[in-house]
N, C-alpha and C. Protein backbone atom coordinates (compact mmCIF):
# COMPACT_ATOMS: atom_id res chain seq x y z
N UNK A 1 32.87 -33.08 2.77
CA UNK A 1 31.38 -33.64 2.79
C UNK A 1 30.69 -32.52 1.98
N UNK A 2 29.62 -33.04 1.19
CA UNK A 2 28.80 -32.33 0.19
C UNK A 2 27.91 -31.41 0.99
N UNK A 3 27.79 -30.29 0.24
CA UNK A 3 26.60 -29.41 0.67
C UNK A 3 25.41 -29.84 0.50
N UNK A 4 24.56 -29.98 1.28
CA UNK A 4 23.20 -30.46 1.10
C UNK A 4 22.42 -29.26 0.21
N UNK A 5 21.71 -29.64 -0.92
CA UNK A 5 20.87 -28.67 -1.36
C UNK A 5 19.76 -27.86 -0.52
N UNK A 6 19.92 -26.34 -0.90
CA UNK A 6 18.82 -25.67 -0.18
C UNK A 6 17.31 -26.24 -0.59
N UNK A 7 16.46 -25.89 0.53
CA UNK A 7 15.10 -26.31 0.15
C UNK A 7 14.03 -25.27 -0.26
N UNK A 8 13.36 -25.10 -0.82
CA UNK A 8 12.36 -24.07 -0.95
C UNK A 8 10.69 -24.64 -0.69
N UNK A 9 10.12 -24.33 0.07
CA UNK A 9 8.60 -24.70 0.29
C UNK A 9 7.75 -23.82 -0.32
N UNK A 10 7.08 -24.31 -1.31
CA UNK A 10 6.05 -23.66 -2.17
C UNK A 10 4.63 -24.29 -1.88
N UNK A 11 3.60 -23.44 -2.55
CA UNK A 11 2.36 -24.22 -2.26
C UNK A 11 1.90 -25.25 -3.16
N UNK A 12 2.19 -24.95 -4.54
CA UNK A 12 1.87 -25.88 -5.50
C UNK A 12 2.69 -26.19 -6.58
N UNK A 13 2.47 -27.23 -7.62
CA UNK A 13 3.05 -27.49 -8.74
C UNK A 13 3.47 -26.52 -9.66
N UNK A 14 2.56 -25.60 -9.80
CA UNK A 14 2.86 -24.24 -10.79
C UNK A 14 4.01 -23.45 -10.40
N UNK A 15 3.99 -23.32 -8.94
CA UNK A 15 4.89 -22.67 -8.11
C UNK A 15 6.31 -23.24 -8.52
N UNK A 16 6.27 -24.57 -8.16
CA UNK A 16 7.61 -25.44 -8.48
C UNK A 16 8.16 -25.31 -9.84
N UNK A 17 7.35 -25.38 -10.82
CA UNK A 17 7.64 -25.54 -12.29
C UNK A 17 8.21 -23.97 -12.54
N UNK A 18 7.62 -23.06 -12.14
CA UNK A 18 8.24 -21.72 -12.25
C UNK A 18 9.56 -21.32 -11.56
N UNK A 19 9.78 -21.94 -10.51
CA UNK A 19 11.05 -21.66 -9.87
C UNK A 19 12.12 -22.63 -10.63
N UNK A 20 11.64 -23.86 -11.19
CA UNK A 20 12.68 -24.57 -11.76
C UNK A 20 13.21 -23.87 -13.15
N UNK A 21 12.32 -22.98 -13.50
CA UNK A 21 12.89 -22.15 -15.16
C UNK A 21 13.68 -21.36 -14.57
N UNK A 22 13.82 -20.90 -13.20
CA UNK A 22 14.78 -19.81 -12.90
C UNK A 22 16.02 -20.23 -12.18
N UNK A 23 16.27 -21.41 -11.45
CA UNK A 23 17.30 -21.92 -10.72
C UNK A 23 18.29 -22.31 -11.73
N UNK A 24 19.42 -22.02 -11.31
CA UNK A 24 20.57 -22.62 -11.85
C UNK A 24 21.66 -23.46 -10.97
N UNK A 25 20.72 -23.77 -9.78
CA UNK A 25 21.50 -24.69 -8.71
C UNK A 25 20.75 -25.76 -8.31
N UNK A 26 21.24 -26.77 -7.91
CA UNK A 26 20.35 -27.94 -7.53
C UNK A 26 19.47 -27.42 -5.98
N UNK A 27 18.45 -27.59 -6.26
CA UNK A 27 17.42 -26.96 -5.14
C UNK A 27 16.20 -28.03 -4.88
N UNK A 28 15.99 -28.42 -3.78
CA UNK A 28 14.89 -29.41 -3.45
C UNK A 28 13.61 -28.56 -3.35
N UNK A 29 12.83 -28.34 -4.26
CA UNK A 29 11.28 -27.72 -4.15
C UNK A 29 10.32 -28.47 -3.64
N UNK A 30 9.76 -28.49 -2.66
CA UNK A 30 8.69 -29.02 -1.81
C UNK A 30 7.33 -28.31 -1.84
N UNK A 31 6.30 -28.92 -2.44
CA UNK A 31 5.08 -28.38 -2.37
C UNK A 31 4.14 -28.90 -1.14
N UNK A 32 3.80 -28.00 -0.44
CA UNK A 32 2.81 -28.03 0.60
C UNK A 32 1.31 -28.29 0.38
N UNK A 33 0.96 -27.84 -0.95
CA UNK A 33 -0.49 -27.81 -1.17
C UNK A 33 -1.51 -27.44 -0.38
N UNK A 34 -1.01 -26.15 0.23
CA UNK A 34 -1.93 -25.72 1.27
C UNK A 34 -1.44 -25.76 2.46
N UNK A 35 -2.24 -25.31 3.68
CA UNK A 35 -1.97 -25.25 4.89
C UNK A 35 -1.76 -26.73 5.33
N UNK A 36 -1.23 -27.05 6.47
CA UNK A 36 -0.51 -28.46 6.77
C UNK A 36 -1.37 -29.07 7.82
N UNK A 37 -1.87 -30.31 7.85
CA UNK A 37 -2.47 -30.95 8.78
C UNK A 37 -1.33 -31.25 9.65
N UNK A 38 -1.43 -31.87 11.02
CA UNK A 38 -0.66 -32.47 11.83
C UNK A 38 0.20 -33.49 11.14
N UNK A 39 -0.36 -34.49 10.30
CA UNK A 39 0.23 -35.54 9.76
C UNK A 39 1.29 -35.06 8.95
N UNK A 40 0.88 -33.78 8.02
CA UNK A 40 1.74 -33.29 6.95
C UNK A 40 2.95 -32.71 7.59
N UNK A 41 2.55 -32.09 8.81
CA UNK A 41 3.76 -31.41 9.54
C UNK A 41 4.82 -32.32 9.95
N UNK A 42 4.49 -33.49 10.48
CA UNK A 42 5.24 -34.42 10.85
C UNK A 42 6.06 -35.12 9.68
N UNK A 43 5.35 -35.38 8.61
CA UNK A 43 5.92 -35.88 7.58
C UNK A 43 6.99 -35.02 6.44
N UNK A 44 6.37 -33.89 6.29
CA UNK A 44 7.12 -32.97 5.50
C UNK A 44 8.14 -31.79 6.34
N UNK A 45 7.51 -31.26 7.34
CA UNK A 45 8.30 -30.27 8.02
C UNK A 45 9.17 -30.63 9.02
N UNK A 46 8.99 -31.76 9.94
CA UNK A 46 9.80 -31.92 11.09
C UNK A 46 11.02 -32.58 10.35
N UNK A 47 11.19 -33.17 9.28
CA UNK A 47 12.47 -33.67 8.85
C UNK A 47 13.39 -32.61 8.48
N UNK A 48 12.76 -31.12 8.06
CA UNK A 48 13.43 -29.99 7.74
C UNK A 48 14.29 -29.29 8.68
N UNK A 49 14.10 -29.35 10.08
CA UNK A 49 14.20 -28.45 11.16
C UNK A 49 15.82 -28.03 11.12
N UNK A 50 16.61 -29.03 10.56
CA UNK A 50 18.09 -28.90 10.56
C UNK A 50 18.65 -28.46 9.11
N UNK A 51 17.60 -28.08 8.09
CA UNK A 51 18.04 -27.80 6.79
C UNK A 51 18.12 -26.28 6.58
N UNK A 52 18.52 -26.16 5.51
CA UNK A 52 18.62 -24.66 4.96
C UNK A 52 17.33 -24.43 4.05
N UNK A 53 16.37 -23.86 4.97
CA UNK A 53 14.88 -23.99 4.18
C UNK A 53 14.60 -22.38 3.74
N UNK A 54 14.00 -22.14 2.75
CA UNK A 54 13.31 -20.98 2.59
C UNK A 54 11.72 -21.09 2.17
N UNK A 55 10.97 -20.28 2.46
CA UNK A 55 9.58 -20.36 2.08
C UNK A 55 9.22 -19.36 1.10
N UNK A 56 8.65 -19.39 0.27
CA UNK A 56 7.97 -18.63 -0.86
C UNK A 56 6.69 -19.11 -1.44
N UNK A 57 5.65 -18.36 -0.66
CA UNK A 57 4.16 -18.63 -0.63
C UNK A 57 3.51 -17.32 -1.28
N UNK A 58 2.19 -17.49 -1.63
CA UNK A 58 1.61 -16.66 -2.32
C UNK A 58 1.18 -15.26 -1.42
N UNK A 59 1.20 -14.35 -1.74
CA UNK A 59 0.71 -13.00 -1.02
C UNK A 59 -0.77 -12.80 -0.97
N UNK A 60 -1.52 -13.96 -0.45
CA UNK A 60 -2.99 -13.70 -0.33
C UNK A 60 -3.28 -14.54 1.16
N UNK A 61 -4.59 -14.63 1.62
CA UNK A 61 -4.89 -15.07 2.65
C UNK A 61 -4.41 -16.54 3.20
N UNK A 62 -4.42 -17.37 2.05
CA UNK A 62 -4.25 -18.75 2.15
C UNK A 62 -2.45 -18.88 2.41
N UNK A 63 -2.00 -18.16 1.51
CA UNK A 63 -0.46 -18.19 1.60
C UNK A 63 0.19 -17.29 2.94
N UNK A 64 -0.44 -16.43 3.63
CA UNK A 64 -0.40 -15.80 4.86
C UNK A 64 -0.26 -16.86 5.98
N UNK A 65 -1.52 -17.38 5.73
CA UNK A 65 -1.69 -18.54 6.74
C UNK A 65 -0.67 -19.62 6.93
N UNK A 66 -0.39 -20.14 5.83
CA UNK A 66 0.59 -21.06 5.64
C UNK A 66 1.85 -20.32 6.03
N UNK A 67 2.39 -19.32 5.81
CA UNK A 67 3.60 -18.65 6.30
C UNK A 67 3.68 -18.60 7.57
N UNK A 68 2.53 -18.23 8.31
CA UNK A 68 2.61 -18.13 9.77
C UNK A 68 2.77 -19.47 10.65
N UNK A 69 2.08 -20.61 9.93
CA UNK A 69 2.30 -21.81 10.39
C UNK A 69 3.77 -22.26 10.16
N UNK A 70 4.16 -22.07 9.13
CA UNK A 70 5.88 -22.55 8.77
C UNK A 70 6.70 -21.70 9.84
N UNK A 71 6.33 -20.32 10.07
CA UNK A 71 7.17 -19.59 10.99
C UNK A 71 7.37 -20.16 12.55
N UNK A 72 6.16 -20.89 12.74
CA UNK A 72 6.24 -21.48 13.98
C UNK A 72 6.78 -22.83 13.91
N UNK A 73 6.75 -23.68 13.12
CA UNK A 73 7.37 -24.86 13.06
C UNK A 73 8.68 -25.02 12.43
N UNK A 74 8.84 -23.98 11.61
CA UNK A 74 10.30 -23.93 11.10
C UNK A 74 11.04 -22.60 11.31
N UNK A 75 11.10 -22.16 12.78
CA UNK A 75 11.42 -20.87 12.98
C UNK A 75 12.88 -20.25 12.47
N UNK A 76 13.85 -21.29 11.94
CA UNK A 76 15.07 -20.91 11.24
C UNK A 76 14.83 -20.74 9.87
N UNK A 77 13.66 -20.98 9.22
CA UNK A 77 13.45 -20.81 7.93
C UNK A 77 13.62 -19.38 7.48
N UNK A 78 14.11 -19.27 6.07
CA UNK A 78 14.21 -17.77 5.72
C UNK A 78 12.87 -17.47 4.82
N UNK A 79 12.32 -16.43 4.94
CA UNK A 79 11.08 -15.93 4.16
C UNK A 79 11.23 -15.21 3.17
N UNK A 80 10.96 -15.52 1.80
CA UNK A 80 11.02 -14.92 0.60
C UNK A 80 9.63 -14.42 0.38
N UNK A 81 9.63 -13.26 -0.40
CA UNK A 81 8.12 -12.65 -0.70
C UNK A 81 8.00 -12.34 -2.11
N UNK A 82 6.91 -12.67 -2.60
CA UNK A 82 6.35 -11.94 -3.93
C UNK A 82 5.63 -10.57 -3.52
N UNK A 83 5.54 -9.79 -4.37
CA UNK A 83 4.89 -8.39 -4.23
C UNK A 83 3.17 -8.56 -4.14
N UNK A 84 2.50 -8.21 -3.39
CA UNK A 84 1.19 -8.11 -3.37
C UNK A 84 0.50 -8.04 -4.54
N UNK A 85 0.94 -6.99 -5.32
CA UNK A 85 0.40 -6.70 -6.55
C UNK A 85 0.29 -8.07 -7.64
N UNK A 86 1.29 -8.89 -7.31
CA UNK A 86 1.28 -10.30 -8.18
C UNK A 86 0.33 -11.23 -7.55
N UNK A 87 0.15 -11.06 -6.10
CA UNK A 87 -0.52 -11.92 -5.46
C UNK A 87 0.01 -13.43 -5.36
N UNK A 88 0.14 -14.19 -6.48
CA UNK A 88 0.50 -15.58 -6.53
C UNK A 88 2.03 -15.61 -6.94
N UNK A 89 2.48 -16.73 -6.59
CA UNK A 89 3.87 -16.98 -7.22
C UNK A 89 3.67 -17.39 -8.57
N UNK A 90 2.84 -18.15 -8.75
CA UNK A 90 2.61 -18.66 -10.12
C UNK A 90 2.45 -17.45 -11.26
N UNK A 91 1.85 -16.34 -10.71
CA UNK A 91 1.62 -15.20 -11.57
C UNK A 91 2.79 -14.00 -11.51
N UNK A 92 3.67 -14.31 -10.73
CA UNK A 92 4.55 -13.32 -10.77
C UNK A 92 5.83 -13.38 -11.71
N UNK A 93 5.95 -12.25 -12.44
CA UNK A 93 6.84 -12.57 -13.48
C UNK A 93 8.29 -13.08 -13.26
N UNK A 94 8.71 -13.75 -14.09
CA UNK A 94 9.79 -14.61 -13.87
C UNK A 94 11.04 -13.74 -13.55
N UNK A 95 11.10 -12.35 -14.04
CA UNK A 95 12.20 -11.62 -13.47
C UNK A 95 12.08 -11.36 -12.32
N UNK A 96 11.02 -11.08 -11.72
CA UNK A 96 10.78 -10.47 -10.16
C UNK A 96 11.26 -11.85 -9.47
N UNK A 97 10.76 -13.03 -9.63
CA UNK A 97 11.00 -14.08 -8.83
C UNK A 97 12.51 -14.34 -9.02
N UNK A 98 13.33 -14.10 -10.31
CA UNK A 98 14.74 -14.15 -10.14
C UNK A 98 15.30 -13.23 -9.28
N UNK A 99 15.04 -12.07 -9.43
CA UNK A 99 15.71 -11.16 -8.47
C UNK A 99 15.47 -11.70 -7.05
N UNK A 100 14.24 -11.91 -6.63
CA UNK A 100 13.69 -12.42 -5.13
C UNK A 100 15.03 -13.47 -4.68
N UNK A 101 15.17 -14.42 -5.63
CA UNK A 101 15.87 -15.62 -5.33
C UNK A 101 17.47 -15.21 -5.46
N UNK A 102 18.02 -14.17 -6.46
CA UNK A 102 19.25 -14.06 -6.55
C UNK A 102 19.58 -13.21 -5.22
N UNK A 103 18.61 -12.32 -4.97
CA UNK A 103 18.88 -11.65 -3.83
C UNK A 103 19.18 -12.34 -2.34
N UNK A 104 18.50 -13.82 -2.28
CA UNK A 104 18.84 -14.56 -1.40
C UNK A 104 19.84 -15.51 -1.58
N UNK A 105 20.82 -15.29 -2.43
CA UNK A 105 21.95 -16.03 -2.76
C UNK A 105 21.75 -17.18 -3.51
N UNK A 106 20.60 -17.38 -4.24
CA UNK A 106 20.53 -18.53 -5.08
C UNK A 106 21.18 -18.45 -6.56
N UNK A 107 21.81 -19.20 -7.03
CA UNK A 107 22.10 -18.92 -8.44
C UNK A 107 20.74 -19.19 -9.43
N UNK A 108 20.78 -17.98 -10.10
CA UNK A 108 19.78 -18.13 -10.97
C UNK A 108 20.04 -17.72 -12.49
N UNK A 109 19.22 -17.78 -13.30
CA UNK A 109 19.28 -17.62 -14.83
C UNK A 109 19.45 -16.14 -14.99
N UNK A 110 20.72 -15.70 -15.10
CA UNK A 110 21.46 -14.26 -15.35
C UNK A 110 20.62 -13.46 -16.28
N UNK A 111 20.13 -14.24 -17.38
CA UNK A 111 19.52 -13.58 -18.42
C UNK A 111 18.15 -12.78 -17.73
N UNK A 112 17.57 -13.41 -17.09
CA UNK A 112 16.35 -13.04 -16.53
C UNK A 112 16.68 -11.70 -15.66
N UNK A 113 17.86 -11.59 -14.93
CA UNK A 113 18.19 -10.58 -14.11
C UNK A 113 18.59 -9.34 -15.17
N UNK A 114 19.25 -9.66 -16.18
CA UNK A 114 19.48 -8.54 -17.44
C UNK A 114 18.12 -8.04 -17.90
N UNK A 115 17.23 -8.87 -18.18
CA UNK A 115 15.95 -8.51 -18.48
C UNK A 115 15.18 -7.50 -17.76
N UNK A 116 15.46 -7.73 -16.41
CA UNK A 116 14.70 -6.77 -15.35
C UNK A 116 15.37 -5.44 -15.57
N UNK A 117 16.58 -5.39 -15.78
CA UNK A 117 17.22 -3.97 -15.75
C UNK A 117 17.05 -3.12 -17.01
N UNK A 118 16.19 -3.57 -17.91
CA UNK A 118 16.18 -2.94 -19.24
C UNK A 118 15.05 -1.79 -18.95
């Protein structure tokens, strides 16, 4: 049986594009576009309850609100964090995101990890 790809929930397209620059494995990146209505919860989140899901959202009020919502709806999801100083996933340096993803056992562009150590 083939392993199903991991899933990362992000807030927007810019976040998705940034992660695609880093990841070296097949990952399904789903944009929530902010907090989730009941319809969106049923459409996007409920099918993910048995999946290997990670959450990477902004370190701001909207991101924290979404994270709380996802903790309730997907209690098994693993939460990844950017630093408060960067606030948004979209403005977090690629090297830092690469380290966060690598630490969570994703295959990432090794060059970015080397850049961080210099």
